[in-house]
Amino acid sequence: MLDSIPFAHKNVNQLWAYILTETLKRLGLNCVIICPGSRSTPLVVAFVQQIPHIEAISILDERSAAFFAMGRAKATGLPVALVCTSGTAGANFYPAIIEAQESRIPLLVLTSDRPQELRNCHSGQTIDQVKLYGNYSNWQAELATPSPDIGMLAYLRQTIIYAWERCQIPTQGPVHLNIPFRDPLAPIPDGVDLTDLQSQLNSEEFFSGTANSNPVSHSPFPIPQQWLKSQRGIIIAGVAQPQKPEKYCQAIALLSQTLNWPVLAEGLSPVRNYANLNPYLISTYDIILRNQQLAQELMPEIVIQVGEMPTSKELRNWLSNTQPQRWIIDSSYQNLDPLHGRTTHLRISVEDIIYREIQNYERGIYLQKWCAVEEQVRKNIDQTWENIEELIESKAAWLISQNLPPRTPLFISNSMPVRDVEFFWKPNNLGIKPYVNRGANGIDGTLSTALGVAHHQQSTVMLTGDLALLHDTNGFLMKNKFVGHLTIILINNNGGGIFEMLPIAKFDPPFEEFFATSQDIDFALLCATYNVQHELISSWEHLKQNLKTLPNTGIRVLEVKTNRKLDAKWRKENLEKLALDITV
């Protein structure tokens, strides 16, 4: 076996790294993100030898690299490997590791390190990397120092198999392996005689137990009688990024029509983008629940929450105040109930529900009320935006929902974009695939994650504010490694628009300097620095024309300049009005 492995028959580090990468290849790893550095040399050489079976992408900035890897894992549903050198390099992965843990994204983090004898003695580029990410990993371990022993190579193989599995079960998330290497790091002879080991290793026999399979499985679940007996129930379709969105939406629609319950669908769920599947789809619930009379009349007895709780503060407050019995359907082993209600967690996927011998009930008064109110509020929203030509921030989400090419992947930045999508994203049959970092809800890594999502995918769109984009401009450094196209719809209101919605906005100082934090950046010049296409949008019609057909390659920024103060004023004055005169 060793004769067929470049360098591995001359160097223990290289043999160790080969066993690691070959095991990952056979498990199904198809992408590794590599950051530059010296201590990781054996891993880099070994991963390069696995090209083209494993795509290896070099990214300079570790923070951007980690978010790019997370975006790639979101898009594929498979673990992506991250490699870095020793020292603070791995610390720069930390924000993405936190987001991956909170949003259940599989990452395999491989931090290279110095051996034990070079630690705690001020050897250069050395920090304590053991348990570097604290509780933000599914599992972590430090590998043994490379050894030319058949038993130790078997230990390495099985540890890598276990790490791969722990990226995916019982809940997807990051796994951290700290990997020490002694010199020499380059693939040069190290003086160790591997002759006896070479005779013991047979490639196919050694790797015969390495299976390329998905370890996740669930059991069918019959509908409880308690659900079937209630006509005052609702289904909440929360934040979700399923690998098979149409199948996921079909499962929710089948549950809805079996129970004759409405589906309150978060804008960050694909359910709104398969509207023809679900006749009981409610998209305006946040605005409906601002009408206190309607909120009282529409109180449910039972709530089925599929996935994460939606962003809407109105919905959360309503559920907290009414305290219905709640069931959460999600295969995660995490606690997904931030409201601490009367909740039963079903650790399954919505697709696992079975429908044997189930009697459909007639469409009840409660369901009819929800559908009637949705129709009226949706009409108010559409008429409002159709009559506004001014570049107001909130209209962007409504416009985009109707003008993207079918099945376009869409990455939505945190802060105001996710809220405007929830308020105004219009149900459609375009099969748009929404992506978002709603684990920790931060703005860090926005551009890099979007590029990871878009890599090798259909031409992709990102909706973002100016601060979120500026926080991650190093993401543009991977422009020449990026395969595909990303259109960035930049809402530039020169500051943090979300803070305008908070009580602190009335106190200036310190509001403008310490909360709004306007940066006064010329984005045309910024884009020119990175050789990224930039276009200033002059009207909504101008934006529509740019979205009809997306380019196939490159990155472009479509900048929509709005007024932060007027945007906030519009929301405060109009959100409640849209459902003010609705009656049922």
Protein backbone atom coordinates (compact mmCIF):
# COMPACT_ATOMS: atom_id res chain seq x y z
CA MET A 1 0.00 0.00 0.00
CA LEU A 2 2.73 2.47 0.92
CA ASP A 3 4.47 2.33 -2.46
CA SER A 4 1.35 3.83 -4.05
CA ILE A 5 1.25 6.72 -1.58
CA PRO A 6 3.55 9.63 -2.46
CA PHE A 7 5.91 10.42 0.45
CA ALA A 8 4.08 8.12 2.90
CA HIS A 9 6.71 5.39 2.75
CA LYS A 10 9.41 7.89 3.78
CA ASN A 11 7.75 10.03 6.44
CA VAL A 12 5.62 9.06 9.48
CA ASN A 13 3.70 12.34 9.51
CA GLN A 14 2.77 11.84 5.88
CA LEU A 15 1.67 8.25 6.48
CA TRP A 16 -0.49 9.43 9.41
CA ALA A 17 -2.03 12.21 7.33
CA TYR A 18 -2.68 9.81 4.45
CA ILE A 19 -4.60 7.37 6.68
CA LEU A 20 -6.65 10.31 7.96
CA THR A 21 -7.53 11.73 4.54
CA GLU A 22 -8.07 8.34 2.88
CA THR A 23 -10.51 7.38 5.63
CA LEU A 24 -12.41 10.63 5.14
CA LYS A 25 -12.51 10.13 1.37
CA ARG A 26 -14.01 6.67 1.79
CA LEU A 27 -16.55 8.00 4.29
CA GLY A 28 -17.77 10.52 1.71
CA LEU A 29 -15.92 13.77 2.43
CA ASN A 30 -15.89 15.81 -0.77
CA CYS A 31 -14.66 19.25 0.33
CA VAL A 32 -11.89 20.57 2.59
CA ILE A 33 -11.14 24.22 3.30
CA ILE A 34 -7.46 24.84 4.02
CA CYS A 35 -5.93 27.93 5.65
CA PRO A 36 -2.21 28.60 5.14
CA GLY A 37 0.38 27.75 7.79
CA SER A 38 3.36 25.53 8.54
CA ARG A 39 2.30 23.07 11.27
CA SER A 40 -0.54 21.76 9.07
CA THR A 41 1.86 20.83 6.23
CA PRO A 42 1.36 17.03 6.48
CA LEU A 43 -2.43 17.42 6.30
CA VAL A 44 -2.27 19.85 3.39
CA VAL A 45 0.01 17.57 1.37
CA ALA A 46 -2.24 14.57 2.07
CA PHE A 47 -5.44 16.40 1.13
CA VAL A 48 -3.87 17.68 -2.09
CA GLN A 49 -3.06 14.06 -2.97
CA GLN A 50 -6.80 13.31 -2.68
CA ILE A 51 -7.76 15.80 -5.41
CA PRO A 52 -10.11 15.42 -7.35
CA HIS A 53 -11.95 13.03 -5.01
CA ILE A 54 -11.88 15.75 -2.34
CA GLU A 55 -12.10 19.37 -3.46
CA ALA A 56 -9.40 21.37 -1.64
CA ILE A 57 -9.91 25.15 -1.40
CA SER A 58 -7.29 27.50 0.02
CA ILE A 59 -8.71 30.51 1.90
CA LEU A 60 -6.51 33.12 3.58
CA ASP A 61 -8.70 34.37 6.42
CA GLU A 62 -9.64 31.67 8.96
CA ARG A 63 -12.89 33.32 10.01
CA SER A 64 -14.06 33.62 6.41
CA ALA A 65 -12.86 30.10 5.69
CA ALA A 66 -14.91 28.64 8.52
CA PHE A 67 -18.09 30.43 7.47
CA PHE A 68 -17.50 29.44 3.83
CA ALA A 69 -17.18 25.81 4.96
CA MET A 70 -20.39 26.17 6.94
CA GLY A 71 -22.21 27.55 3.89
CA ARG A 72 -20.97 24.63 1.81
CA ALA A 73 -22.18 22.17 4.48
CA LYS A 74 -25.58 23.90 4.55
CA ALA A 75 -25.93 23.46 0.81
CA THR A 76 -24.82 19.81 0.65
CA GLY A 77 -25.93 18.47 4.04
CA LEU A 78 -22.55 16.71 4.35
CA PRO A 79 -19.65 17.51 6.69
CA VAL A 80 -16.97 19.84 5.33
CA ALA A 81 -13.44 19.67 6.73
CA LEU A 82 -11.53 22.72 7.97
CA VAL A 83 -7.74 22.70 8.32
CA CYS A 84 -5.51 25.27 9.99
CA THR A 85 -2.07 25.63 11.53
CA SER A 86 -1.26 25.97 15.22
CA GLY A 87 -1.69 29.07 17.39
CA THR A 88 -4.51 31.62 17.07
CA ALA A 89 -5.51 30.32 13.62
CA GLY A 90 -8.02 27.92 15.15
CA ALA A 91 -9.38 30.65 17.42
CA ASN A 92 -10.53 32.51 14.33
CA PHE A 93 -12.77 29.54 13.50
CA TYR A 94 -14.68 30.08 16.76
CA PRO A 95 -17.59 32.31 15.58
CA ALA A 96 -18.45 29.83 12.82
CA ILE A 97 -18.11 26.88 15.21
CA ILE A 98 -20.64 28.52 17.52
CA GLU A 99 -23.05 29.15 14.64
CA ALA A 100 -22.59 25.61 13.33
CA GLN A 101 -23.40 24.16 16.74
CA GLU A 102 -26.45 26.36 17.25
CA SER A 103 -27.81 25.86 13.73
CA ARG A 104 -26.78 22.18 13.50
CA ILE A 105 -24.32 22.28 10.60
CA PRO A 106 -21.79 19.41 10.24
CA LEU A 107 -18.15 20.58 10.28
CA LEU A 108 -15.00 18.55 10.90
CA VAL A 109 -12.43 20.96 12.35
CA LEU A 110 -8.79 19.81 12.12
CA THR A 111 -6.46 22.12 14.05
CA SER A 112 -2.77 21.31 13.72
CA ASP A 113 -0.63 21.64 16.83
CA ARG A 114 2.86 21.27 18.23
CA PRO A 115 3.64 18.11 20.20
CA GLN A 116 3.48 18.04 24.00
CA GLU A 117 7.18 18.73 24.52
CA LEU A 118 6.88 22.09 22.75
CA ARG A 119 3.91 23.32 24.79
CA ASN A 120 4.01 25.51 27.89
CA CYS A 121 7.57 26.60 27.14
CA HIS A 122 7.04 29.67 24.94
CA SER A 123 7.66 27.81 21.73
CA GLY A 124 6.44 30.05 18.93
CA GLN A 125 2.88 29.96 17.57
CA THR A 126 1.69 27.74 20.42
CA ILE A 127 -1.44 28.13 22.53
CA ASP A 128 -3.60 25.68 24.47
CA GLN A 129 -5.78 24.18 21.73
CA VAL A 130 -7.25 21.28 23.69
CA LYS A 131 -11.00 21.79 24.09
CA LEU A 132 -10.51 25.08 22.25
CA TYR A 133 -14.22 25.40 21.46
CA GLY A 134 -15.52 24.50 24.90
CA ASN A 135 -19.06 23.15 24.70
CA TYR A 136 -19.58 24.26 21.10
CA SER A 137 -18.73 20.94 19.52
CA ASN A 138 -20.56 17.64 19.32
CA TRP A 139 -17.32 15.94 20.28
CA GLN A 140 -13.66 16.84 20.58
CA ALA A 141 -10.42 14.91 20.98
CA GLU A 142 -6.69 15.30 20.64
CA LEU A 143 -5.08 12.68 18.43
CA ALA A 144 -1.95 10.85 19.46
CA THR A 145 1.34 11.99 18.00
CA PRO A 146 1.93 10.14 14.69
CA SER A 147 3.40 6.68 15.17
CA PRO A 148 4.52 3.99 12.65
CA ASP A 149 2.59 1.22 14.37
CA ILE A 150 -0.22 -0.80 12.78
CA GLY A 151 -2.27 -0.67 15.97
CA MET A 152 -1.94 3.11 16.18
CA LEU A 153 -2.93 3.51 12.51
CA ALA A 154 -6.03 1.42 13.23
CA TYR A 155 -6.76 3.71 16.20
CA LEU A 156 -6.46 6.73 13.90
CA ARG A 157 -8.79 5.21 11.30
CA GLN A 158 -11.48 4.36 13.86
CA THR A 159 -11.22 7.76 15.56
CA ILE A 160 -11.78 9.48 12.22
CA ILE A 161 -14.79 7.25 11.52
CA TYR A 162 -16.24 8.12 14.92
CA ALA A 163 -15.58 11.85 14.38
CA TRP A 164 -17.39 11.68 11.03
CA GLU A 165 -20.38 10.01 12.67
CA ARG A 166 -20.46 12.53 15.53
CA CYS A 167 -20.67 15.36 12.97
CA GLN A 168 -24.07 13.90 12.06
CA ILE A 169 -25.59 12.03 15.02
CA PRO A 170 -27.50 12.33 17.20
CA THR A 171 -27.63 15.93 15.92
CA GLN A 172 -25.53 17.51 13.18
CA GLY A 173 -22.82 19.89 14.37
CA PRO A 174 -19.06 20.55 14.55
CA VAL A 175 -16.44 18.06 15.73
CA HIS A 176 -12.95 19.21 16.70
CA LEU A 177 -9.80 17.12 16.36
CA ASN A 178 -6.53 18.66 17.58
CA ILE A 179 -3.64 17.03 15.69
CA PRO A 180 -0.03 17.35 16.90
CA PHE A 181 2.90 16.88 14.51
CA ARG A 182 6.63 16.72 15.20
CA ASP A 183 9.22 17.88 12.67
CA PRO A 184 9.93 17.29 9.87
CA LEU A 185 6.67 18.68 8.56
CA ALA A 186 7.56 18.66 4.86
CA PRO A 187 7.25 15.33 2.97
CA ILE A 188 10.93 14.46 3.26
CA PRO A 189 12.57 11.29 4.66
CA ASP A 190 12.54 11.35 8.47
CA GLY A 191 14.86 8.38 9.02
CA VAL A 192 12.16 5.98 10.27
CA ASP A 193 12.27 2.50 8.75
CA LEU A 194 8.76 1.61 7.54
CA THR A 195 9.71 -1.66 5.82
CA ASP A 196 8.00 -3.96 8.34
CA LEU A 197 4.88 -1.76 8.41
CA GLN A 198 4.70 -1.79 4.62
CA SER A 199 4.39 -5.59 4.61
CA GLN A 200 1.54 -5.46 7.16
CA LEU A 201 -0.65 -2.94 5.36
CA ASN A 202 -3.12 -4.07 2.72
CA SER A 203 -5.17 -1.13 1.53
CA GLU A 204 -8.51 -2.80 0.85
CA GLU A 205 -8.35 -4.95 3.96
CA PHE A 206 -7.30 -2.04 6.18
CA PHE A 207 -10.14 0.23 4.98
CA SER A 208 -12.76 -2.51 4.52
CA GLY A 209 -14.83 -1.33 7.51
CA THR A 210 -15.06 2.25 6.26
CA ALA A 211 -18.60 2.68 4.91
CA ASN A 212 -19.80 5.58 2.82
CA SER A 213 -23.23 5.99 4.37
CA ASN A 214 -25.46 8.44 6.18
CA PRO A 215 -25.82 7.31 9.80
CA VAL A 216 -29.03 9.26 10.40
CA SER A 217 -32.33 7.34 10.46
CA HIS A 218 -35.75 7.74 12.08
CA SER A 219 -38.79 5.60 12.72
CA PRO A 220 -42.32 6.24 11.40
CA PHE A 221 -44.63 8.04 13.84
CA PRO A 222 -48.44 7.71 13.87
CA ILE A 223 -50.56 10.84 14.35
CA PRO A 224 -51.74 11.13 17.98
CA GLN A 225 -55.49 10.94 18.54
CA GLN A 226 -55.25 14.17 20.52
CA TRP A 227 -54.39 16.05 17.33
CA LEU A 228 -57.21 14.45 15.37
CA LYS A 229 -59.81 15.44 17.97
CA SER A 230 -59.02 19.18 17.96
CA GLN A 231 -60.27 21.71 15.42
CA ARG A 232 -58.49 24.63 17.08
CA GLY A 233 -54.95 23.70 16.22
CA ILE A 234 -52.20 25.40 14.23
CA ILE A 235 -48.98 24.20 12.64
CA ILE A 236 -45.97 26.50 12.82
CA ALA A 237 -43.39 25.95 10.09
CA GLY A 238 -40.28 27.57 11.54
CA VAL A 239 -36.79 28.26 10.28
CA ALA A 240 -35.70 25.30 8.15
CA GLN A 241 -33.07 24.46 5.53
CA PRO A 242 -33.98 20.88 4.50
CA GLN A 243 -31.93 19.11 1.86
CA LYS A 244 -35.14 18.10 0.03
CA PRO A 245 -37.37 21.18 0.44
CA GLU A 246 -40.25 20.02 -1.77
CA LYS A 247 -40.58 16.72 0.08
CA TYR A 248 -40.42 18.63 3.38
CA CYS A 249 -43.17 21.04 2.26
CA GLN A 250 -45.31 18.17 1.02
CA ALA A 251 -45.09 16.51 4.44
CA ILE A 252 -46.23 19.70 6.20
CA ALA A 253 -49.03 20.20 3.69
CA LEU A 254 -50.22 16.62 4.18
CA LEU A 255 -50.27 17.09 7.95
CA SER A 256 -52.15 20.37 7.55
CA GLN A 257 -54.81 18.90 5.26
CA THR A 258 -55.17 15.77 7.37
CA LEU A 259 -55.87 17.81 10.49
CA ASN A 260 -57.52 20.78 8.72
CA TRP A 261 -55.22 23.14 10.60
CA PRO A 262 -53.61 26.31 9.18
CA VAL A 263 -49.84 26.49 8.64
CA LEU A 264 -48.16 29.64 9.94
CA ALA A 265 -45.05 29.63 7.76
CA GLU A 266 -41.94 31.59 8.66
CA GLY A 267 -40.41 33.49 5.73
CA LEU A 268 -37.16 31.60 6.32
CA SER A 269 -38.92 28.28 5.73
CA PRO A 270 -39.26 26.89 2.18
CA VAL A 271 -43.01 26.40 2.82
CA ARG A 272 -43.86 29.88 1.53
CA ASN A 273 -42.10 29.05 -1.74
CA TYR A 274 -44.24 25.97 -2.45
CA ALA A 275 -47.56 27.71 -1.87
CA ASN A 276 -49.50 25.56 -4.34
CA LEU A 277 -48.96 22.56 -2.05
CA ASN A 278 -50.72 24.13 0.92
CA PRO A 279 -54.20 25.70 0.69
CA TYR A 280 -54.11 26.66 4.39
CA LEU A 281 -50.89 28.69 4.28
CA ILE A 282 -50.73 31.74 6.59
CA SER A 283 -47.88 34.15 5.81
CA THR A 284 -49.07 37.36 7.52
CA TYR A 285 -49.37 36.04 11.10
CA ASP A 286 -46.96 38.60 12.57
CA ILE A 287 -49.14 41.44 11.31
CA ILE A 288 -52.41 39.64 12.13
CA LEU A 289 -51.36 39.18 15.76
CA ARG A 290 -50.74 42.91 16.16
CA ASN A 291 -54.54 43.22 16.09
CA GLN A 292 -55.43 42.33 19.68
CA GLN A 293 -59.02 41.36 18.87
CA LEU A 294 -57.88 38.92 16.17
CA ALA A 295 -55.16 37.56 18.43
CA GLN A 296 -57.81 36.77 21.05
CA GLU A 297 -60.27 35.19 18.60
CA LEU A 298 -57.57 33.00 16.98
CA MET A 299 -56.17 31.47 20.19
CA PRO A 300 -55.34 27.77 19.58
CA GLU A 301 -55.75 24.73 21.79
CA ILE A 302 -52.81 22.80 20.30
CA VAL A 303 -49.72 23.99 18.44
CA ILE A 304 -47.42 21.77 16.37
CA GLN A 305 -44.08 23.49 15.87
CA VAL A 306 -41.98 22.05 13.05
CA GLY A 307 -38.33 22.99 13.49
CA GLU A 308 -37.07 26.15 15.12
CA MET A 309 -39.39 28.83 16.47
CA PRO A 310 -39.97 31.65 13.93
CA THR A 311 -38.31 35.04 14.34
CA SER A 312 -41.56 36.90 15.06
CA LYS A 313 -41.68 38.51 18.50
CA GLU A 314 -45.45 38.95 18.11
CA LEU A 315 -45.90 35.20 17.63
CA ARG A 316 -43.68 34.32 20.58
CA ASN A 317 -45.50 36.72 22.92
CA TRP A 318 -48.87 35.40 21.75
CA LEU A 319 -47.89 31.80 22.47
CA SER A 320 -46.42 32.75 25.84
CA ASN A 321 -49.59 34.55 26.84
CA THR A 322 -52.03 31.88 25.62
CA GLN A 323 -49.98 28.83 26.74
CA PRO A 324 -51.50 26.21 24.40
CA GLN A 325 -50.26 22.65 24.51
CA ARG A 326 -47.31 22.43 22.12
CA TRP A 327 -45.62 19.61 20.25
CA ILE A 328 -42.22 20.17 18.63
CA ILE A 329 -41.32 18.03 15.62
CA ASP A 330 -37.58 18.05 15.00
CA SER A 331 -34.94 15.32 14.83
CA SER A 332 -32.51 17.41 16.91
CA TYR A 333 -31.69 16.39 20.46
CA GLN A 334 -31.53 20.05 21.48
CA ASN A 335 -34.17 21.91 23.49
CA LEU A 336 -36.10 23.95 20.91
CA ASP A 337 -38.58 25.55 23.31
CA PRO A 338 -37.42 29.07 24.28
CA LEU A 339 -40.92 29.77 25.65
CA HIS A 340 -40.75 26.98 28.28
CA GLY A 341 -44.37 26.00 27.67
CA ARG A 342 -46.36 22.79 28.02
CA THR A 343 -44.28 21.11 25.37
CA THR A 344 -43.68 17.60 24.08
CA HIS A 345 -40.59 17.09 21.92
CA LEU A 346 -40.91 14.51 19.15
CA ARG A 347 -37.37 13.64 18.04
CA ILE A 348 -38.42 12.86 14.47
CA SER A 349 -38.64 14.61 11.10
CA VAL A 350 -42.00 15.76 9.81
CA GLU A 351 -41.50 13.34 6.90
CA ASP A 352 -41.57 10.46 9.42
CA ILE A 353 -45.26 10.92 10.25
CA ILE A 354 -47.53 8.20 8.87
CA TYR A 355 -51.18 8.60 7.87
CA ARG A 356 -52.89 5.21 8.07
CA GLU A 357 -56.68 5.08 8.39
CA ILE A 358 -57.04 8.75 9.16
CA GLN A 359 -60.39 10.46 8.70
CA ASN A 360 -60.41 13.99 7.31
CA TYR A 361 -62.68 16.38 9.11
CA GLU A 362 -64.56 19.18 7.40
CA ARG A 363 -62.97 22.58 7.27
CA GLY A 364 -63.94 24.10 10.61
CA ILE A 365 -64.84 27.66 11.58
CA TYR A 366 -61.44 28.19 13.20
CA LEU A 367 -59.56 27.31 10.00
CA GLN A 368 -61.95 29.43 7.93
CA LYS A 369 -61.21 32.45 10.15
CA TRP A 370 -57.48 32.11 9.69
CA CYS A 371 -57.80 31.80 5.91
CA ALA A 372 -60.19 34.76 5.65
CA VAL A 373 -57.92 37.03 7.69
CA GLU A 374 -54.85 35.94 5.73
CA GLU A 375 -56.59 36.83 2.47
CA GLN A 376 -57.49 40.31 3.66
CA VAL A 377 -54.12 41.18 5.20
CA ARG A 378 -52.24 39.78 2.21
CA LYS A 379 -54.34 42.00 -0.05
CA ASN A 380 -53.52 45.05 2.10
CA ILE A 381 -49.79 44.30 1.98
CA ASP A 382 -49.74 43.78 -1.79
CA GLN A 383 -51.73 46.93 -2.51
CA THR A 384 -49.52 48.95 -0.19
CA TRP A 385 -46.28 47.93 -1.87
CA GLU A 386 -47.67 48.18 -5.38
CA ASN A 387 -48.42 51.86 -4.73
CA ILE A 388 -45.02 52.77 -3.24
CA GLU A 389 -42.31 53.70 -5.72
CA GLU A 390 -39.95 55.20 -3.13
CA LEU A 391 -36.93 53.07 -2.20
CA ILE A 392 -38.12 51.91 1.23
CA GLU A 393 -36.09 49.07 2.73
CA SER A 394 -38.98 46.75 3.60
CA LYS A 395 -40.23 46.55 0.03
CA ALA A 396 -37.11 44.67 -1.08
CA ALA A 397 -38.19 41.37 0.51
CA TRP A 398 -41.69 41.61 -1.01
CA LEU A 399 -40.29 42.39 -4.46
CA ILE A 400 -37.63 39.68 -4.39
CA SER A 401 -40.19 37.02 -3.46
CA GLN A 402 -41.86 37.45 -6.84
CA ASN A 403 -38.93 38.08 -9.15
CA LEU A 404 -36.20 35.51 -8.60
CA PRO A 405 -35.64 32.71 -11.11
CA PRO A 406 -37.21 29.41 -9.97
CA ARG A 407 -35.36 27.42 -7.27
CA THR A 408 -32.82 30.18 -6.65
CA PRO A 409 -30.83 29.71 -3.42
CA LEU A 410 -31.27 32.86 -1.30
CA PHE A 411 -29.09 33.72 1.68
CA ILE A 412 -30.73 36.20 4.05
CA SER A 413 -28.63 38.26 6.43
CA ASN A 414 -29.56 38.74 10.07
CA SER A 415 -30.93 41.96 11.62
CA MET A 416 -33.62 43.69 9.53
CA PRO A 417 -33.53 41.51 6.35
CA VAL A 418 -34.78 38.40 8.19
CA ARG A 419 -37.56 40.41 9.79
CA ASP A 420 -38.66 42.04 6.53
CA VAL A 421 -38.73 38.58 4.94
CA GLU A 422 -40.96 37.34 7.75
CA PHE A 423 -43.25 40.38 7.52
CA PHE A 424 -43.56 40.67 3.75
CA TRP A 425 -42.27 37.62 1.83
CA LYS A 426 -45.15 36.77 -0.47
CA PRO A 427 -46.10 33.09 -0.94
CA ASN A 428 -45.11 31.83 -4.38
CA ASN A 429 -44.55 28.65 -6.36
CA LEU A 430 -40.94 29.40 -7.31
CA GLY A 431 -39.27 26.84 -5.05
CA ILE A 432 -36.84 29.45 -3.71
CA LYS A 433 -34.35 27.84 -1.28
CA PRO A 434 -33.80 30.12 1.76
CA TYR A 435 -30.59 29.92 3.80
CA VAL A 436 -29.78 31.84 6.97
CA ASN A 437 -27.48 31.82 10.01
CA ARG A 438 -30.15 31.78 12.73
CA GLY A 439 -28.25 29.70 15.26
CA ALA A 440 -26.53 32.53 17.09
CA ASN A 441 -28.24 35.23 14.96
CA GLY A 442 -25.02 37.20 14.42
CA ILE A 443 -23.95 39.23 11.40
CA ASP A 444 -20.42 37.78 11.31
CA GLY A 445 -19.53 35.62 8.34
CA THR A 446 -22.52 36.72 6.25
CA LEU A 447 -20.72 37.08 2.91
CA SER A 448 -18.49 34.05 3.42
CA THR A 449 -21.44 31.81 4.31
CA ALA A 450 -23.36 33.00 1.25
CA LEU A 451 -20.38 32.24 -0.98
CA GLY A 452 -20.15 28.77 0.58
CA VAL A 453 -23.83 28.19 -0.15
CA ALA A 454 -23.43 29.43 -3.73
CA HIS A 455 -20.25 27.44 -4.51
CA HIS A 456 -21.10 24.88 -7.25
CA GLN A 457 -24.83 25.72 -6.90
CA GLN A 458 -27.33 27.43 -9.13
CA SER A 459 -26.74 31.19 -9.34
CA THR A 460 -27.45 32.50 -5.84
CA VAL A 461 -28.72 35.74 -4.28
CA MET A 462 -27.93 37.32 -0.91
CA LEU A 463 -30.08 39.97 0.80
CA THR A 464 -28.05 41.97 3.32
CA GLY A 465 -27.65 45.28 5.10
CA ASP A 466 -24.52 47.40 4.87
CA LEU A 467 -23.07 46.60 8.31
CA ALA A 468 -23.38 42.83 7.83
CA LEU A 469 -21.53 43.06 4.52
CA LEU A 470 -18.82 45.34 5.90
CA HIS A 471 -18.27 43.00 8.85
CA ASP A 472 -17.15 40.26 6.44
CA THR A 473 -15.53 41.98 3.46
CA ASN A 474 -12.59 39.55 3.69
CA GLY A 475 -15.02 37.11 2.13
CA PHE A 476 -14.33 38.85 -1.17
CA LEU A 477 -10.76 37.49 -1.00
CA MET A 478 -12.04 34.08 -2.11
CA LYS A 479 -13.45 35.52 -5.34
CA ASN A 480 -10.95 33.65 -7.53
CA LYS A 481 -11.60 30.32 -5.77
CA PHE A 482 -15.37 30.66 -5.96
CA VAL A 483 -17.15 28.57 -8.62
CA GLY A 484 -20.58 29.94 -9.53
CA HIS A 485 -22.37 33.25 -9.14
CA LEU A 486 -23.56 35.38 -6.22
CA THR A 487 -25.72 38.49 -6.59
CA ILE A 488 -25.67 40.63 -3.43
CA ILE A 489 -28.70 42.87 -2.91
CA LEU A 490 -27.22 45.46 -0.56
CA ILE A 491 -29.66 47.58 1.43
CA ASN A 492 -27.44 50.51 2.33
CA ASN A 493 -29.07 52.68 4.99
CA ASN A 494 -25.68 53.69 6.42
CA GLY A 495 -25.96 52.01 9.79
CA GLY A 496 -27.71 49.47 11.95
CA GLY A 497 -31.36 49.85 10.98
CA ILE A 498 -32.56 47.27 13.50
CA PHE A 499 -31.50 49.50 16.39
CA GLU A 500 -33.87 52.19 15.10
CA MET A 501 -36.70 49.88 16.20
CA LEU A 502 -35.49 49.77 19.81
CA PRO A 503 -36.15 52.26 22.65
CA ILE A 504 -32.47 53.31 22.70
CA ALA A 505 -33.04 55.07 19.35
CA LYS A 506 -34.65 57.94 21.28
CA PHE A 507 -31.41 58.64 23.15
CA ASP A 508 -28.76 60.41 21.11
CA PRO A 509 -26.08 60.52 22.29
CA PRO A 510 -25.11 57.66 22.49
CA PHE A 511 -27.35 56.18 19.73
CA GLU A 512 -25.68 57.24 16.46
CA GLU A 513 -22.09 56.60 17.50
CA PHE A 514 -22.47 53.45 19.57
CA PHE A 515 -25.57 51.70 18.11
CA ALA A 516 -26.26 52.91 14.56
CA THR A 517 -22.48 53.02 13.87
CA SER A 518 -22.72 54.50 10.36
CA GLN A 519 -19.54 53.83 8.35
CA ASP A 520 -19.96 56.18 5.34
CA ILE A 521 -18.43 53.69 2.91
CA ASP A 522 -18.45 54.17 -0.86
CA PHE A 523 -19.39 50.63 -1.92
CA ALA A 524 -18.50 51.27 -5.55
CA LEU A 525 -14.90 51.91 -4.51
CA LEU A 526 -14.93 48.96 -2.11
CA CYS A 527 -16.11 46.63 -4.88
CA ALA A 528 -13.48 48.01 -7.26
CA THR A 529 -10.77 47.07 -4.73
CA TYR A 530 -11.82 43.41 -4.97
CA ASN A 531 -12.67 43.58 -8.69
CA VAL A 532 -16.34 42.88 -7.89
CA GLN A 533 -19.08 44.25 -10.14
CA HIS A 534 -21.16 47.05 -8.59
CA GLU A 535 -24.38 48.68 -9.73
CA LEU A 536 -26.39 51.38 -7.97
CA ILE A 537 -30.12 50.63 -8.17
CA SER A 538 -32.20 53.66 -9.11
CA SER A 539 -35.72 52.18 -8.91
CA TRP A 540 -37.62 49.01 -8.06
CA GLU A 541 -38.10 48.36 -11.78
CA HIS A 542 -34.32 48.61 -12.16
CA LEU A 543 -33.88 45.94 -9.46
CA LYS A 544 -36.49 43.67 -11.06
CA GLN A 545 -34.69 43.79 -14.40
CA ASN A 546 -31.44 42.74 -12.70
CA LEU A 547 -33.08 39.72 -11.08
CA LYS A 548 -34.93 38.29 -14.09
CA THR A 549 -31.85 36.46 -15.37
CA LEU A 550 -28.89 35.93 -13.05
CA PRO A 551 -25.32 35.68 -14.37
CA ASN A 552 -23.56 32.32 -14.25
CA THR A 553 -20.21 33.41 -12.82
CA GLY A 554 -18.66 36.04 -10.59
CA ILE A 555 -19.90 38.28 -7.79
CA ARG A 556 -21.90 41.47 -8.19
CA VAL A 557 -23.37 43.98 -5.77
CA LEU A 558 -26.71 45.66 -6.46
CA GLU A 559 -26.81 48.58 -4.03
CA VAL A 560 -30.16 49.99 -2.92
CA LYS A 561 -29.70 53.21 -0.95
CA THR A 562 -32.43 53.92 1.59
CA ASN A 563 -32.97 56.30 4.48
CA ARG A 564 -32.60 54.52 7.84
CA LYS A 565 -34.78 56.99 9.77
CA LEU A 566 -37.57 56.91 7.20
CA ASP A 567 -37.41 53.10 6.96
CA ALA A 568 -37.92 52.78 10.71
CA LYS A 569 -40.66 55.43 10.72
CA TRP A 570 -42.54 53.55 7.97
CA ARG A 571 -42.47 50.27 9.90
CA LYS A 572 -43.64 51.87 13.13
CA GLU A 573 -46.53 53.64 11.41
CA ASN A 574 -47.71 50.92 9.05
CA LEU A 575 -47.17 47.41 10.44
CA GLU A 576 -50.17 47.55 12.77
CA LYS A 577 -52.33 49.45 10.26
CA LEU A 578 -52.15 46.59 7.77
CA ALA A 579 -54.43 44.48 10.03
CA LEU A 580 -56.24 47.30 11.82
CA ASP A 581 -59.69 47.10 10.21
CA ILE A 582 -59.80 43.34 9.60
CA THR A 583 -62.84 41.50 10.97
CA VAL A 584 -63.96 37.87 10.86
